[in-house]
C-alpha atoms as a PDB file:
ATOM      1  CA  MET A   1      -0.067  -0.050  -0.008  1.00  0.00           C
ATOM      2  CA  ILE A   2       3.277   2.384   0.804  1.00  0.00           C
ATOM      3  CA  ASP A   3       4.632   1.284  -2.385  1.00  0.00           C
ATOM      4  CA  THR A   4       2.039   2.809  -4.440  1.00  0.00           C
ATOM      5  CA  ILE A   5       1.533   5.957  -1.981  1.00  0.00           C
ATOM      6  CA  VAL A   6       4.585   7.304  -2.098  1.00  0.00           C
ATOM      7  CA  PRO A   7       5.563   7.618  -5.868  1.00  0.00           C
ATOM      8  CA  PHE A   8       1.787   8.564  -6.297  1.00  0.00           C
ATOM      9  CA  ILE A   9       2.448  12.013  -4.089  1.00  0.00           C
ATOM     10  CA  GLY A  10       6.209  12.484  -5.516  1.00  0.00           C
ATOM     11  CA  LYS A  11       4.073  12.420  -9.073  1.00  0.00           C
ATOM     12  CA  TYR A  12       1.328  14.132  -8.791  1.00  0.00           C
ATOM     13  CA  MET A  13       1.532  16.566  -5.575  1.00  0.00           C
ATOM     14  CA  PRO A  14       4.891  17.783  -6.357  1.00  0.00           C
ATOM     15  CA  GLU A  15       4.555  20.345  -3.358  1.00  0.00           C
ATOM     16  CA  ILE A  16       4.122  18.075  -0.714  1.00  0.00           C
ATOM     17  CA  ASN A  17       6.913  15.818  -2.432  1.00  0.00           C
ATOM     18  CA  SER A  18       9.369  18.846  -2.166  1.00  0.00           C
ATOM     19  CA  ALA A  19       8.420  20.113   1.402  1.00  0.00           C
ATOM     20  CA  LEU A  20       8.628  16.900   2.886  1.00  0.00           C
ATOM     21  CA  GLY A  21      12.151  16.327   1.174  1.00  0.00           C
ATOM     22  CA  ALA A  22      12.852  19.723   2.541  1.00  0.00           C
ATOM     23  CA  GLY A  23      11.418  19.477   5.680  1.00  0.00           C
ATOM     24  CA  LEU A  24      13.460  16.047   6.138  1.00  0.00           C
ATOM     25  CA  VAL A  25      16.954  18.395   5.667  1.00  0.00           C
ATOM     26  CA  ILE A  26      15.580  21.108   8.346  1.00  0.00           C
ATOM     27  CA  PHE A  27      14.742  19.047  10.915  1.00  0.00           C
ATOM     28  CA  ALA A  28      18.588  17.638  10.427  1.00  0.00           C
ATOM     29  CA  ARG A  29      19.694  21.095  10.954  1.00  0.00           C
ATOM     30  CA  THR A  30      16.767  22.158  13.839  1.00  0.00           C
ATOM     31  CA  LEU A  31      18.227  18.768  15.876  1.00  0.00           C
ATOM     32  CA  GLY A  32      21.574  19.711  15.842  1.00  0.00           C
ATOM     33  CA  PHE A  33      20.717  23.134  16.650  1.00  0.00           C
ATOM     34  CA  VAL A  34      18.458  21.983  19.801  1.00  0.00           C
ATOM     35  CA  ARG A  35      21.245  19.668  20.702  1.00  0.00           C
ATOM     36  CA  PHE A  36      24.028  21.974  21.269  1.00  0.00           C
ATOM     37  CA  ALA A  37      22.267  25.557  21.725  1.00  0.00           C
ATOM     38  CA  PRO A  38      21.720  26.938  25.499  1.00  0.00           C
ATOM     39  CA  VAL A  39      18.470  26.387  27.248  1.00  0.00           C
ATOM     40  CA  PHE A  40      17.985  23.738  24.781  1.00  0.00           C
ATOM     41  CA  ASN A  41      20.630  21.193  25.743  1.00  0.00           C
ATOM     42  CA  ARG A  42      19.760  21.249  29.380  1.00  0.00           C
ATOM     43  CA  SER A  43      19.286  17.844  30.634  1.00  0.00           C
ATOM     44  CA  GLU A  44      16.542  18.988  32.604  1.00  0.00           C
ATOM     45  CA  VAL A  45      14.546  19.017  28.706  1.00  0.00           C
ATOM     46  CA  VAL A  46      13.512  15.580  28.521  1.00  0.00           C
ATOM     47  CA  GLY A  47      14.166  14.096  24.495  1.00  0.00           C
ATOM     48  CA  LEU A  48      10.784  14.257  23.818  1.00  0.00           C
ATOM     49  CA  VAL A  49      10.362  17.621  24.523  1.00  0.00           C
ATOM     50  CA  LYS A  50      13.391  18.513  22.235  1.00  0.00           C
ATOM     51  CA  LEU A  51      12.130  16.644  20.002  1.00  0.00           C
ATOM     52  CA  SER A  52       9.123  18.020  19.817  1.00  0.00           C
ATOM     53  CA  VAL A  53      10.752  21.567  19.858  1.00  0.00           C
ATOM     54  CA  ALA A  54      13.003  20.116  16.629  1.00  0.00           C
ATOM     55  CA  LEU A  55       9.895  19.075  14.900  1.00  0.00           C
ATOM     56  CA  ILE A  56       7.592  22.365  15.367  1.00  0.00           C
ATOM     57  CA  LEU A  57      10.548  24.581  13.858  1.00  0.00           C
ATOM     58  CA  THR A  58      10.720  22.075  11.335  1.00  0.00           C
ATOM     59  CA  ILE A  59       6.977  22.675  10.455  1.00  0.00           C
ATOM     60  CA  ILE A  60       7.443  26.728  10.935  1.00  0.00           C
ATOM     61  CA  LEU A  61      11.015  26.927   8.976  1.00  0.00           C
ATOM     62  CA  THR A  62       9.654  24.510   5.800  1.00  0.00           C
ATOM     63  CA  SER A  63       6.488  26.727   5.506  1.00  0.00           C
ATOM     64  CA  ILE A  64       8.189  30.334   5.784  1.00  0.00           C
ATOM     65  CA  LEU A  65      11.067  29.156   3.469  1.00  0.00           C
ATOM     66  CA  ARG A  66       9.549  27.363   1.286  1.00  0.00           C
ATOM     67  CA  PRO A  67      12.285  25.733  -0.616  1.00  0.00           C
ATOM     68  CA  PRO A  68      12.661  24.855  -4.022  1.00  0.00           C
ATOM     69  CA  MET A  69      13.046  21.541  -5.400  1.00  0.00           C
ATOM     70  CA  PRO A  70      16.454  19.918  -4.734  1.00  0.00           C
ATOM     71  CA  GLU A  71      18.833  19.624  -8.168  1.00  0.00           C
ATOM     72  CA  THR A  72      19.708  16.618  -9.563  1.00  0.00           C
ATOM     73  CA  GLY A  73      22.560  14.826  -8.265  1.00  0.00           C
ATOM     74  CA  ILE A  74      22.263  15.851  -4.901  1.00  0.00           C
ATOM     75  CA  SER A  75      22.682  13.291  -1.974  1.00  0.00           C
ATOM     76  CA  LEU A  76      20.027  13.581   0.517  1.00  0.00           C
ATOM     77  CA  THR A  77      22.559  12.008   3.198  1.00  0.00           C
ATOM     78  CA  TYR A  78      25.308  14.349   2.270  1.00  0.00           C
ATOM     79  CA  SER A  79      22.462  17.488   2.466  1.00  0.00           C
ATOM     80  CA  LEU A  80      21.647  15.688   6.164  1.00  0.00           C
ATOM     81  CA  ILE A  81      25.362  15.663   7.450  1.00  0.00           C
ATOM     82  CA  LEU A  82      25.791  19.352   6.732  1.00  0.00           C
ATOM     83  CA  ASN A  83      22.618  20.404   7.794  1.00  0.00           C
ATOM     84  CA  PHE A  84      23.156  18.753  11.250  1.00  0.00           C
ATOM     85  CA  ALA A  85      26.799  20.054  11.234  1.00  0.00           C
ATOM     86  CA  ALA A  86      25.641  23.825  10.498  1.00  0.00           C
ATOM     87  CA  GLY A  87      23.165  23.273  13.468  1.00  0.00           C
ATOM     88  CA  ALA A  88      25.439  21.846  15.737  1.00  0.00           C
ATOM     89  CA  LEU A  89      27.920  24.412  14.799  1.00  0.00           C
ATOM     90  CA  LEU A  90      25.443  27.282  15.493  1.00  0.00           C
ATOM     91  CA  GLY A  91      24.138  25.947  19.095  1.00  0.00           C
ATOM     92  CA  TYR A  92      27.750  25.585  20.142  1.00  0.00           C
ATOM     93  CA  ILE A  93      28.575  28.876  19.479  1.00  0.00           C
ATOM     94  CA  ALA A  94      25.483  30.405  21.336  1.00  0.00           C
ATOM     95  CA  ASN A  95      26.481  28.407  24.146  1.00  0.00           C
ATOM     96  CA  CYS A  96      30.006  29.739  24.314  1.00  0.00           C
ATOM     97  CA  ILE A  97      28.103  32.882  25.867  1.00  0.00           C
ATOM     98  CA  LEU A  98      26.826  31.170  28.335  1.00  0.00           C
ATOM     99  CA  GLN A  99      30.638  29.606  29.657  1.00  0.00           C
ATOM    100  CA  ALA A 100      31.763  32.786  30.667  1.00  0.00           C
ATOM    101  CA  ILE A 101      29.440  33.390  33.460  1.00  0.00           C
ATOM    102  CA  GLU A 102      30.277  29.579  34.656  1.00  0.00           C
ATOM    103  CA  ALA A 103      33.575  30.137  34.585  1.00  0.00           C
ATOM    104  CA  ALA A 104      33.331  33.302  37.004  1.00  0.00           C
ATOM    105  CA  GLY A 105      31.472  30.652  39.316  1.00  0.00           C
ATOM    106  CA  ASP A 106      34.104  28.470  38.948  1.00  0.00           C
ATOM    107  CA  MET A 107      36.784  31.399  40.006  1.00  0.00           C
ATOM    108  CA  ILE A 108      34.705  32.032  43.252  1.00  0.00           C
ATOM    109  CA  ASN A 109      34.081  28.597  44.146  1.00  0.00           C
ATOM    110  CA  MET A 110      38.282  28.464  43.718  1.00  0.00           C
ATOM    111  CA  GLN A 111      38.925  31.385  45.885  1.00  0.00           C
ATOM    112  CA  MET A 112      36.644  30.706  48.492  1.00  0.00           C
ATOM    113  CA  GLY A 113      38.182  27.263  49.194  1.00  0.00           C
ATOM    114  CA  LEU A 114      35.385  25.638  48.036  1.00  0.00           C
ATOM    115  CA  SER A 115      37.041  23.373  45.560  1.00  0.00           C
ATOM    116  CA  SER A 116      36.735  19.992  47.173  1.00  0.00           C
ATOM    117  CA  ALA A 117      32.860  20.805  47.576  1.00  0.00           C
ATOM    118  CA  MET A 118      31.974  19.290  43.827  1.00  0.00           C
ATOM    119  CA  VAL A 119      28.059  17.840  42.606  1.00  0.00           C
ATOM    120  CA  LEU A 120      27.493  15.739  40.056  1.00  0.00           C
ATOM    121  CA  ASP A 121      26.349  18.289  37.029  1.00  0.00           C
ATOM    122  CA  PRO A 122      23.895  15.770  34.869  1.00  0.00           C
ATOM    123  CA  SER A 123      23.667  17.663  31.743  1.00  0.00           C
ATOM    124  CA  THR A 124      27.520  16.622  31.341  1.00  0.00           C
ATOM    125  CA  SER A 125      27.996  13.793  33.348  1.00  0.00           C
ATOM    126  CA  SER A 126      31.066  15.915  35.032  1.00  0.00           C
ATOM    127  CA  GLN A 127      32.067  16.927  38.226  1.00  0.00           C
ATOM    128  CA  VAL A 128      31.481  20.608  38.837  1.00  0.00           C
ATOM    129  CA  SER A 129      31.501  23.492  41.871  1.00  0.00           C
ATOM    130  CA  ILE A 130      28.614  24.426  43.488  1.00  0.00           C
ATOM    131  CA  VAL A 131      29.044  28.196  42.700  1.00  0.00           C
ATOM    132  CA  GLY A 132      29.873  27.655  39.224  1.00  0.00           C
ATOM    133  CA  LYS A 133      26.353  25.701  39.155  1.00  0.00           C
ATOM    134  CA  PHE A 134      24.694  28.138  40.788  1.00  0.00           C
ATOM    135  CA  PHE A 135      26.294  30.729  38.635  1.00  0.00           C
ATOM    136  CA  THR A 136      25.437  28.531  35.223  1.00  0.00           C
ATOM    137  CA  LEU A 137      21.539  28.247  36.640  1.00  0.00           C
ATOM    138  CA  LEU A 138      21.255  31.931  36.794  1.00  0.00           C
ATOM    139  CA  ALA A 139      22.997  32.630  33.517  1.00  0.00           C
ATOM    140  CA  VAL A 140      20.119  30.240  31.966  1.00  0.00           C
ATOM    141  CA  ILE A 141      17.202  32.435  33.814  1.00  0.00           C
ATOM    142  CA  LEU A 142      19.171  35.217  32.690  1.00  0.00           C
ATOM    143  CA  PHE A 143      19.305  34.651  29.071  1.00  0.00           C
ATOM    144  CA  ILE A 144      15.596  33.662  29.024  1.00  0.00           C
ATOM    145  CA  HIS A 145      14.410  36.515  30.322  1.00  0.00           C
ATOM    146  CA  VAL A 146      16.361  38.625  28.127  1.00  0.00           C
ATOM    147  CA  GLY A 147      15.084  37.038  24.811  1.00  0.00           C
ATOM    148  CA  GLY A 148      17.756  34.647  24.751  1.00  0.00           C
ATOM    149  CA  VAL A 149      15.619  32.062  22.912  1.00  0.00           C
ATOM    150  CA  TYR A 150      14.100  34.309  20.344  1.00  0.00           C
ATOM    151  CA  TRP A 151      17.635  35.449  19.402  1.00  0.00           C
ATOM    152  CA  LEU A 152      18.196  31.682  19.058  1.00  0.00           C
ATOM    153  CA  ILE A 153      15.308  31.318  16.805  1.00  0.00           C
ATOM    154  CA  ARG A 154      16.429  34.435  14.750  1.00  0.00           C
ATOM    155  CA  GLY A 155      19.733  32.827  14.374  1.00  0.00           C
ATOM    156  CA  LEU A 156      19.045  29.713  13.250  1.00  0.00           C
ATOM    157  CA  MET A 157      16.363  31.339  10.563  1.00  0.00           C
ATOM    158  CA  LYS A 158      18.977  33.522   9.509  1.00  0.00           C
ATOM    159  CA  SER A 159      21.223  30.347   9.048  1.00  0.00           C
ATOM    160  CA  PHE A 160      19.312  29.694   6.041  1.00  0.00           C
ATOM    161  CA  GLU A 161      20.244  32.310   4.418  1.00  0.00           C
ATOM    162  CA  ILE A 162      24.126  31.701   4.459  1.00  0.00           C
ATOM    163  CA  PHE A 163      23.933  28.260   3.830  1.00  0.00           C
ATOM    164  CA  PRO A 164      20.498  27.484   1.738  1.00  0.00           C
ATOM    165  CA  VAL A 165      18.916  24.122   2.389  1.00  0.00           C
ATOM    166  CA  TYR A 166      20.629  22.065  -0.727  1.00  0.00           C
ATOM    167  CA  ALA A 167      23.282  23.452  -0.314  1.00  0.00           C
ATOM    168  CA  SER A 168      26.450  21.350  -1.728  1.00  0.00           C
ATOM    169  CA  SER A 169      29.477  23.227   0.104  1.00  0.00           C
ATOM    170  CA  PHE A 170      29.718  24.604   3.960  1.00  0.00           C
ATOM    171  CA  PRO A 171      30.379  28.173   4.085  1.00  0.00           C
ATOM    172  CA  LEU A 172      32.526  28.256   6.979  1.00  0.00           C
ATOM    173  CA  GLU A 173      33.748  31.617   6.580  1.00  0.00           C
ATOM    174  CA  GLN A 174      30.709  33.081   6.730  1.00  0.00           C
ATOM    175  CA  LEU A 175      29.056  31.285   9.161  1.00  0.00           C
ATOM    176  CA  ILE A 176      31.663  31.685  11.335  1.00  0.00           C
ATOM    177  CA  ASN A 177      34.320  34.960  11.338  1.00  0.00           C
ATOM    178  CA  GLN A 178      37.610  34.025  13.170  1.00  0.00           C
ATOM    179  CA  LYS A 179      37.833  37.198  14.487  1.00  0.00           C
ATOM    180  CA  PHE A 180      34.684  36.801  16.345  1.00  0.00           C
ATOM    181  CA  LEU A 181      35.157  33.543  17.180  1.00  0.00           C
ATOM    182  CA  ILE A 182      38.658  34.722  18.779  1.00  0.00           C
ATOM    183  CA  THR A 183      36.970  37.533  20.837  1.00  0.00           C
ATOM    184  CA  LEU A 184      34.065  35.237  21.950  1.00  0.00           C
ATOM    185  CA  THR A 185      36.256  32.504  23.194  1.00  0.00           C
ATOM    186  CA  SER A 186      38.795  35.334  25.644  1.00  0.00           C
ATOM    187  CA  ASN A 187      35.303  36.425  26.679  1.00  0.00           C
ATOM    188  CA  VAL A 188      35.240  33.757  28.691  1.00  0.00           C
ATOM    189  CA  LEU A 189      38.128  35.068  30.874  1.00  0.00           C
ATOM    190  CA  TYR A 190      37.795  38.692  30.665  1.00  0.00           C
ATOM    191  CA  ILE A 191      33.874  38.502  31.616  1.00  0.00           C
ATOM    192  CA  GLY A 192      34.855  35.347  33.988  1.00  0.00           C
ATOM    193  CA  LEU A 193      37.195  38.178  35.839  1.00  0.00           C
ATOM    194  CA  GLN A 194      35.131  40.840  35.752  1.00  0.00           C
ATOM    195  CA  ILE A 195      31.675  38.787  37.590  1.00  0.00           C
ATOM    196  CA  ALA A 196      34.241  37.698  39.904  1.00  0.00           C
ATOM    197  CA  SER A 197      36.340  40.751  41.028  1.00  0.00           C
ATOM    198  CA  PRO A 198      34.485  40.988  43.962  1.00  0.00           C
ATOM    199  CA  VAL A 199      34.730  38.233  45.432  1.00  0.00           C
ATOM    200  CA  LEU A 200      38.309  37.737  43.958  1.00  0.00           C
ATOM    201  CA  LEU A 201      39.740  41.104  45.752  1.00  0.00           C
ATOM    202  CA  ALA A 202      38.000  40.789  48.795  1.00  0.00           C
ATOM    203  CA  THR A 203      39.352  37.213  49.599  1.00  0.00           C
ATOM    204  CA  LEU A 204      42.926  38.162  48.163  1.00  0.00           C
ATOM    205  CA  GLY A 205      42.807  40.897  50.592  1.00  0.00           C
ATOM    206  CA  GLN A 206      42.031  38.533  53.355  1.00  0.00           C
ATOM    207  CA  ASP A 207      44.741  36.068  52.598  1.00  0.00           C
ATOM    208  CA  ILE A 208      47.294  39.641  52.883  1.00  0.00           C
ATOM    209  CA  ILE A 209      45.620  40.174  56.550  1.00  0.00           C
ATOM    210  CA  LEU A 210      46.326  36.499  57.718  1.00  0.00           C
ATOM    211  CA  GLY A 211      49.776  36.573  56.407  1.00  0.00           C
ATOM    212  CA  ILE A 212      50.398  39.659  57.933  1.00  0.00           C
ATOM    213  CA  ILE A 213      48.885  38.061  61.409  1.00  0.00           C
ATOM    214  CA  SER A 214      50.835  34.734  60.988  1.00  0.00           C
ATOM    215  CA  LYS A 215      54.029  36.877  60.792  1.00  0.00           C
ATOM    216  CA  THR A 216      53.296  39.037  63.967  1.00  0.00           C
ATOM    217  CA  ALA A 217      51.801  36.078  65.955  1.00  0.00           C
ATOM    218  CA  PRO A 218      53.363  32.618  65.045  1.00  0.00           C
ATOM    219  CA  GLN A 219      51.465  30.754  67.605  1.00  0.00           C
ATOM    220  CA  ILE A 220      48.185  31.496  66.077  1.00  0.00           C
ATOM    221  CA  ASN A 221      46.747  28.708  62.919  1.00  0.00           C
ATOM    222  CA  VAL A 222      46.377  31.191  60.124  1.00  0.00           C
ATOM    223  CA  PHE A 223      45.749  28.230  58.130  1.00  0.00           C
ATOM    224  CA  GLN A 224      42.770  26.645  60.031  1.00  0.00           C
ATOM    225  CA  LEU A 225      41.119  30.279  60.159  1.00  0.00           C
ATOM    226  CA  SER A 226      41.566  30.867  56.227  1.00  0.00           C
ATOM    227  CA  PHE A 227      39.308  27.718  55.984  1.00  0.00           C
ATOM    228  CA  LEU A 228      36.723  29.211  58.377  1.00  0.00           C
ATOM    229  CA  PHE A 229      36.807  33.093  57.017  1.00  0.00           C
ATOM    230  CA  LYS A 230      37.025  32.521  53.018  1.00  0.00           C
ATOM    231  CA  PRO A 231      33.412  30.520  52.548  1.00  0.00           C
ATOM    232  CA  VAL A 232      31.590  33.152  54.720  1.00  0.00           C
ATOM    233  CA  LEU A 233      33.256  36.508  53.334  1.00  0.00           C
ATOM    234  CA  GLY A 234      32.947  34.730  49.819  1.00  0.00           C
ATOM    235  CA  ALA A 235      28.935  34.469  50.510  1.00  0.00           C
ATOM    236  CA  THR A 236      28.958  37.666  52.158  1.00  0.00           C
ATOM    237  CA  ILE A 237      30.253  39.584  49.066  1.00  0.00           C
ATOM    238  CA  MET A 238      28.177  37.664  46.966  1.00  0.00           C
ATOM    239  CA  ILE A 239      24.510  38.322  49.006  1.00  0.00           C
ATOM    240  CA  PHE A 240      25.552  41.991  48.725  1.00  0.00           C
ATOM    241  CA  ILE A 241      27.019  42.019  44.458  1.00  0.00           C
ATOM    242  CA  LEU A 242      24.100  39.996  43.379  1.00  0.00           C
ATOM    243  CA  PRO A 243      21.877  42.378  41.670  1.00  0.00           C
ATOM    244  CA  MET A 244      25.021  44.043  40.162  1.00  0.00           C
ATOM    245  CA  VAL A 245      26.175  40.714  38.865  1.00  0.00           C
ATOM    246  CA  ALA A 246      22.483  40.239  37.355  1.00  0.00           C
ATOM    247  CA  GLU A 247      22.608  43.657  35.567  1.00  0.00           C
ATOM    248  CA  THR A 248      26.320  42.753  34.812  1.00  0.00           C
ATOM    249  CA  ILE A 249      25.582  39.249  32.988  1.00  0.00           C
ATOM    250  CA  MET A 250      22.106  40.844  31.107  1.00  0.00           C
ATOM    251  CA  GLU A 251      24.490  43.844  29.691  1.00  0.00           C
ATOM    252  CA  TYR A 252      26.893  41.278  28.600  1.00  0.00           C
ATOM    253  CA  PHE A 253      23.776  39.143  27.236  1.00  0.00           C
ATOM    254  CA  ASN A 254      22.438  42.256  25.436  1.00  0.00           C
ATOM    255  CA  SER A 255      25.734  42.786  23.746  1.00  0.00           C
ATOM    256  CA  TYR A 256      25.182  39.875  21.590  1.00  0.00           C
ATOM    257  CA  SER A 257      21.743  40.337  20.569  1.00  0.00           C
ATOM    258  CA  SER A 258      22.864  41.739  17.144  1.00  0.00           C
ATOM    259  CA  LEU A 259      24.813  38.463  16.463  1.00  0.00           C
ATOM    260  CA  PHE A 260      21.648  36.618  15.759  1.00  0.00           C
ATOM    261  CA  GLY A 261      19.421  39.189  14.170  1.00  0.00           C
END
């Protein structure tokens, strides 16, 4: 029965046949994008939801783009691989924006003396720091708050202008600007230090004070005192600077809004 229906659709309904073929290729790019893009790549989002989001985006994009019939000689498998790689690459670049916030949390966690307090992150199946995990979740919430999900969808739609559905070559230089990629990855350290600087400077001042105490009063065990004061001082400073940190993170996200426009 199916063997007779499929040729009938391809022969007498070419528009439906073209939409089904293009939808399959668009679904491959959308699936790669959802797999690596921030918010969507969270392990808290179950696989069925990810597939549903990818399918809904595929239906919407197929109806908007209305791609033409593929040229003869184009391999469907080759197009699927290229489009999945393009979507995964876009999602990975967008995810690099949030890595700077996680790096700030790791710096604060190490400076507070909580390096031994690690938790399992189910999204990556690796050990992460407590403060780093807190900053990661904070970054995801703020990214959704400033409209980051809409930016991601706009960026996905824009990718079809640079890299069409049935393109036979991968425009790596157009999809990724080398100078921008260097700036984005270097911001992981720069923005991380900028966010973590209040806690880093305060704990550094505490280390200097404890060093002076150890010289003036050698009988005091400064090493044990540092384990007591560092977490308390770091947590206290974080409570006071959290509104300013949230504002800095939102400004950092807004600076990349034009990237997805």
